[in-house]
Protein backbone atom coordinates (compact mmCIF):
# COMPACT_ATOMS: atom_id res chain seq x y z
CA UNK A 1 119.48 106.61 119.43
CA UNK A 2 116.72 107.72 117.10
CA UNK A 3 113.11 106.97 117.87
CA UNK A 4 111.89 104.48 115.26
CA UNK A 5 108.23 104.24 114.25
CA UNK A 6 106.72 101.26 112.42
CA UNK A 7 103.77 101.75 110.10
CA UNK A 8 102.07 100.55 106.96
CA UNK A 9 103.41 102.32 103.88
CA UNK A 10 101.14 104.76 102.07
CA UNK A 11 101.05 106.03 98.52
CA UNK A 12 103.74 108.69 98.31
CA UNK A 13 106.21 106.64 100.42
CA UNK A 14 107.53 104.74 97.37
CA UNK A 15 110.31 107.24 96.58
CA UNK A 16 111.58 107.17 100.16
CA UNK A 17 111.38 103.36 100.21
CA UNK A 18 113.39 103.27 96.98
CA UNK A 19 116.01 105.52 98.59
CA UNK A 20 116.09 103.29 101.66
CA UNK A 21 116.70 100.18 99.56
CA UNK A 22 119.48 101.91 97.63
CA UNK A 23 121.05 103.12 100.89
CA UNK A 24 120.85 99.64 102.46
CA UNK A 25 123.27 97.86 100.15
CA UNK A 26 125.57 98.75 97.33
CA UNK A 27 124.58 97.45 93.91
CA UNK A 28 127.99 95.83 93.50
CA UNK A 29 127.73 94.07 96.87
CA UNK A 30 124.51 92.30 95.88
CA UNK A 31 125.15 91.64 92.21
CA UNK A 32 128.00 90.62 89.95
CA UNK A 33 127.46 93.72 87.82
CA UNK A 34 126.01 91.74 84.93
CA UNK A 35 123.31 93.40 82.82
CA UNK A 36 120.72 90.96 84.21
CA UNK A 37 121.67 91.65 87.83
CA UNK A 38 121.71 95.43 87.33
CA UNK A 39 118.28 95.28 85.66
CA UNK A 40 116.93 93.14 88.55
CA UNK A 41 118.30 95.63 91.12
CA UNK A 42 116.82 98.59 89.26
CA UNK A 43 113.42 96.85 89.18
CA UNK A 44 113.55 96.13 92.93
CA UNK A 45 114.28 99.82 93.63
CA UNK A 46 111.84 101.23 91.06
CA UNK A 47 109.26 103.51 92.74
CA UNK A 48 106.51 102.22 90.42
CA UNK A 49 107.28 98.62 91.45
CA UNK A 50 107.18 99.72 95.10
CA UNK A 51 103.93 101.61 94.49
CA UNK A 52 102.42 98.33 93.25
CA UNK A 53 103.52 96.60 96.44
CA UNK A 54 101.92 99.33 98.56
CA UNK A 55 98.64 98.97 96.65
CA UNK A 56 98.67 95.15 96.77
CA UNK A 57 97.07 93.09 99.48
CA UNK A 58 100.48 91.65 100.36
CA UNK A 59 102.03 92.43 103.73
CA UNK A 60 104.42 95.40 103.85
CA UNK A 61 105.74 97.49 106.71
CA UNK A 62 108.20 100.32 107.02
CA UNK A 63 110.31 101.81 109.76
CA UNK A 64 110.83 105.56 109.94
CA UNK A 65 113.12 107.75 111.99
CA UNK A 66 112.91 111.53 111.98
CA UNK A 67 110.66 111.42 108.91
CA UNK A 68 113.08 109.23 106.91
CA UNK A 69 112.27 105.67 105.81
CA UNK A 70 115.06 103.61 107.42
CA UNK A 71 113.69 100.08 106.84
CA UNK A 72 111.23 98.22 104.69
CA UNK A 73 109.84 94.67 104.52
CA UNK A 74 107.56 93.19 101.86
CA UNK A 75 106.07 89.75 101.23
CA UNK A 76 104.77 88.00 98.12
CA UNK A 77 102.46 85.01 97.91
CA UNK A 78 101.45 85.46 101.54
CA UNK A 79 104.44 84.03 103.34
CA UNK A 80 107.42 84.60 101.01
CA UNK A 81 109.63 87.41 102.31
CA UNK A 82 110.74 89.15 99.15
CA UNK A 83 112.32 92.39 100.44
CA UNK A 84 113.90 93.33 103.75
CA UNK A 85 116.24 96.31 103.78
CA UNK A 86 117.58 98.65 106.47
CA UNK A 87 119.71 101.69 105.65
CA UNK A 88 123.37 100.96 106.38
CA UNK A 89 123.65 103.78 108.90
CA UNK A 90 120.80 102.21 110.92
CA UNK A 91 122.08 98.62 110.70
CA UNK A 92 122.65 96.78 113.97
CA UNK A 93 119.89 98.64 115.85
CA UNK A 94 117.34 95.81 115.69
CA UNK A 95 115.19 97.45 113.01
CA UNK A 96 115.30 94.49 110.61
CA UNK A 97 114.51 92.08 113.46
CA UNK A 98 111.59 94.26 114.58
CA UNK A 99 110.18 94.53 111.05
CA UNK A 100 110.41 90.75 110.75
CA UNK A 101 108.92 90.10 114.21
CA UNK A 102 105.94 92.38 113.62
CA UNK A 103 105.17 90.69 110.29
CA UNK A 104 105.76 87.07 111.36
CA UNK A 105 103.37 86.89 114.32
CA UNK A 106 100.43 85.35 112.48
CA UNK A 107 102.38 83.22 110.01
CA UNK A 108 103.16 79.52 110.48
CA UNK A 109 106.20 79.63 108.22
CA UNK A 110 108.09 82.04 106.02
CA UNK A 111 110.37 81.43 103.06
CA UNK A 112 113.07 83.69 101.68
CA UNK A 113 115.72 83.55 99.00
CA UNK A 114 118.48 85.32 100.91
CA UNK A 115 121.28 87.34 99.39
CA UNK A 116 124.73 86.26 100.53
CA UNK A 117 124.95 89.41 102.69
CA UNK A 118 121.77 88.59 104.62
CA UNK A 119 122.17 84.85 105.37
CA UNK A 120 123.64 85.55 108.84
CA UNK A 121 120.75 87.84 109.75
CA UNK A 122 118.17 85.27 108.70
CA UNK A 123 119.95 82.55 110.67
CA UNK A 124 119.94 84.76 113.76
CA UNK A 125 116.13 85.19 113.55
CA UNK A 126 115.64 81.42 113.17
CA UNK A 127 115.74 80.62 109.45
CA UNK A 128 117.38 77.42 108.22
CA UNK A 129 118.80 76.75 104.77
CA UNK A 130 116.49 74.52 102.74
CA UNK A 131 118.40 74.09 99.50
CA UNK A 132 121.53 74.84 97.54
CA UNK A 133 122.60 78.39 96.83
CA UNK A 134 121.50 79.37 93.30
CA UNK A 135 122.11 82.06 90.70
CA UNK A 136 119.09 83.86 89.23
CA UNK A 137 119.05 87.06 87.14
CA UNK A 138 122.67 87.72 88.05
CA UNK A 139 122.13 87.49 91.81
CA UNK A 140 123.16 84.68 94.16
CA UNK A 141 120.52 83.53 96.64
CA UNK A 142 120.13 80.88 99.33
CA UNK A 143 116.67 79.40 99.93
CA UNK A 144 115.72 79.48 103.60
CA UNK A 145 112.68 78.76 105.76
CA UNK A 146 111.45 79.92 109.16
CA UNK A 147 108.85 78.13 111.28
CA UNK A 148 106.85 79.97 113.94
CA UNK A 149 107.53 77.96 117.07
CA UNK A 150 104.82 79.82 119.00
CA UNK A 151 102.21 78.92 116.37
CA UNK A 152 103.36 75.26 116.35
CA UNK A 153 103.19 75.00 120.15
CA UNK A 154 99.70 76.53 120.34
CA UNK A 155 98.47 74.20 117.58
CA UNK A 156 99.70 71.12 119.44
CA UNK A 157 97.70 71.92 122.60
């Protein structure tokens, strides 16, 4: 098994992050191939968009193995998980869970609009569905929420 390192992304990582996202899921698996969904996918993967995320004050973290970005997580609006991708060849090794765990420690709750492919993962890390599945920009998503049980317990003491 490869040794995985977790670190904050730096300027210059955006092209590798883009490659990671593209290697994590096939465009046709996540979208219906409509012009709106393809445009949304291209924007998500765009290095300039990712550069903006790196420069923002929002929480981001990446996982690397042998100098290759193998996973990436990014938040918007403080506690909304907007991106979580792990390269397919590294799936099932706990990288997504570790990225999530490292970023969730200080948060009381986290929301996500999960792709159909990721609902099972989010359920396994403790998310629950909070609304009906919806279609936006050619992509299906399920709204979900996670509550930090450790934070809740410590607040009740």
